[in-house]
């Protein structure tokens, strides 16, 4: 198991930007896919973005495509989510996790670790 700690959330106006970070400890995660997920109040957790292990392959949810960018720094055991042109519908608690292998992870039931505390993002209209 890897311990995941998310940070960087906050309150921002529509059109603003935030950069989320997720640092892993416990063991290196460079060989695993990483992913960002979010959960809005009263809704189920959903996929946002994922990046494969060993490659630069990325996938995004349609709702964030063109606005969000996932990246990773394996030397720092950290994954990032750059969020631009934020909308009120992006308001949620954001979580990161790894996959169970190098293949991109989009299924919330296919993650490799327990969920962390997440970081809250609030976008005002």
Protein backbone atom coordinates (compact mmCIF):
# COMPACT_ATOMS: atom_id res chain seq x y z
CA UNK A 1 0.00 0.00 0.00
CA UNK A 2 1.03 3.56 -0.75
CA UNK A 3 -0.03 6.48 1.40
CA UNK A 4 -1.36 9.33 -0.72
CA UNK A 5 -1.63 12.95 0.39
CA UNK A 6 -3.41 15.46 -1.80
CA UNK A 7 -2.97 19.23 -1.56
CA UNK A 8 -3.49 22.43 -3.49
CA UNK A 9 -7.25 22.77 -3.38
CA UNK A 10 -9.00 25.98 -2.53
CA UNK A 11 -11.59 28.54 -3.46
CA UNK A 12 -11.43 30.10 -6.92
CA UNK A 13 -13.70 32.07 -9.20
CA UNK A 14 -15.02 30.79 -12.49
CA UNK A 15 -12.26 30.86 -15.09
CA UNK A 16 -9.51 30.59 -12.52
CA UNK A 17 -6.78 27.99 -12.14
CA UNK A 18 -5.48 25.66 -9.48
CA UNK A 19 -2.70 23.11 -9.36
CA UNK A 20 -3.26 20.04 -7.26
CA UNK A 21 -0.45 17.85 -5.98
CA UNK A 22 -0.44 14.32 -4.70
CA UNK A 23 2.58 12.87 -2.95
CA UNK A 24 2.98 9.15 -2.38
CA UNK A 25 4.96 7.54 0.39
CA UNK A 26 5.53 3.97 1.35
CA UNK A 27 7.01 2.78 -1.89
CA UNK A 28 7.82 4.18 -5.28
CA UNK A 29 4.92 4.49 -7.65
CA UNK A 30 6.87 5.18 -10.84
CA UNK A 31 5.89 1.86 -12.40
CA UNK A 32 2.17 2.32 -11.80
CA UNK A 33 -0.46 4.37 -13.52
CA UNK A 34 -1.72 7.35 -11.56
CA UNK A 35 -5.12 8.95 -11.65
CA UNK A 36 -7.18 11.84 -10.36
CA UNK A 37 -10.78 11.39 -9.34
CA UNK A 38 -13.36 13.70 -7.80
CA UNK A 39 -16.51 13.51 -5.77
CA UNK A 40 -19.06 16.27 -5.65
CA UNK A 41 -21.54 16.51 -2.77
CA UNK A 42 -24.30 13.94 -3.20
CA UNK A 43 -22.62 12.28 -6.16
CA UNK A 44 -20.44 9.25 -6.70
CA UNK A 45 -16.72 9.50 -7.14
CA UNK A 46 -15.80 9.88 -10.80
CA UNK A 47 -12.77 9.66 -13.01
CA UNK A 48 -11.00 12.89 -14.00
CA UNK A 49 -7.59 12.06 -15.51
CA UNK A 50 -5.04 9.28 -15.64
CA UNK A 51 -1.48 8.82 -16.77
CA UNK A 52 0.13 5.46 -17.50
CA UNK A 53 3.25 4.15 -15.86
CA UNK A 54 6.32 3.92 -18.12
CA UNK A 55 4.83 6.25 -20.73
CA UNK A 56 3.24 9.62 -21.33
CA UNK A 57 -0.13 8.13 -22.26
CA UNK A 58 -2.91 10.22 -20.73
CA UNK A 59 -6.69 10.07 -20.73
CA UNK A 60 -9.20 12.62 -19.54
CA UNK A 61 -12.87 12.73 -18.76
CA UNK A 62 -14.75 14.55 -21.50
CA UNK A 63 -15.85 17.18 -19.00
CA UNK A 64 -12.27 18.31 -18.33
CA UNK A 65 -10.57 17.63 -21.65
CA UNK A 66 -8.67 20.68 -22.87
CA UNK A 67 -8.79 22.34 -19.46
CA UNK A 68 -6.99 19.93 -17.11
CA UNK A 69 -3.51 18.42 -17.47
CA UNK A 70 -2.13 15.51 -15.48
CA UNK A 71 1.61 15.13 -15.02
CA UNK A 72 3.98 13.27 -12.74
CA UNK A 73 7.44 13.66 -11.26
CA UNK A 74 8.63 10.17 -10.41
CA UNK A 75 11.75 11.47 -8.70
CA UNK A 76 9.48 13.23 -6.21
CA UNK A 77 6.83 10.50 -6.12
CA UNK A 78 4.34 13.22 -6.96
CA UNK A 79 1.51 13.58 -9.45
CA UNK A 80 -0.04 16.91 -10.41
CA UNK A 81 -3.31 18.12 -11.85
CA UNK A 82 -3.22 21.53 -13.48
CA UNK A 83 -6.76 22.84 -13.70
CA UNK A 84 -7.50 25.84 -15.91
CA UNK A 85 -10.73 27.57 -16.94
CA UNK A 86 -12.45 26.21 -13.88
CA UNK A 87 -16.24 26.01 -13.80
CA UNK A 88 -18.69 25.75 -10.91
CA UNK A 89 -19.37 22.14 -11.93
CA UNK A 90 -15.73 21.34 -11.13
CA UNK A 91 -16.51 21.91 -7.46
CA UNK A 92 -15.67 18.66 -5.65
CA UNK A 93 -13.18 16.92 -3.42
CA UNK A 94 -10.32 15.67 -5.56
CA UNK A 95 -8.47 12.43 -4.88
CA UNK A 96 -5.48 10.75 -6.44
CA UNK A 97 -4.67 7.09 -6.56
CA UNK A 98 -2.56 4.60 -8.45
CA UNK A 99 -3.57 1.79 -10.67
CA UNK A 100 -2.61 -1.82 -9.91
CA UNK A 101 -0.27 -1.88 -12.89
CA UNK A 102 1.12 0.44 -15.55
CA UNK A 103 -2.08 0.61 -17.58
CA UNK A 104 -4.13 3.81 -17.17
CA UNK A 105 -6.72 3.64 -14.43
CA UNK A 106 -10.21 5.08 -14.95
CA UNK A 107 -12.34 2.80 -12.81
CA UNK A 108 -12.68 3.88 -9.19
CA UNK A 109 -12.90 0.20 -8.25
CA UNK A 110 -9.61 -0.61 -9.98
CA UNK A 111 -7.32 1.62 -7.94
CA UNK A 112 -4.42 0.16 -6.04
CA UNK A 113 -4.64 1.87 -2.68
CA UNK A 114 -6.97 3.16 -0.02
CA UNK A 115 -8.29 6.62 -0.66
CA UNK A 116 -6.65 9.58 1.02
CA UNK A 117 -8.37 12.61 2.51
CA UNK A 118 -8.57 14.44 -0.78
CA UNK A 119 -8.37 18.17 -1.36
CA UNK A 120 -11.42 20.34 -1.78
CA UNK A 121 -11.93 22.60 -4.76
CA UNK A 122 -14.70 25.19 -4.75
CA UNK A 123 -15.40 27.22 -7.87
CA UNK A 124 -17.71 30.18 -7.42
CA UNK A 125 -19.95 31.43 -10.19
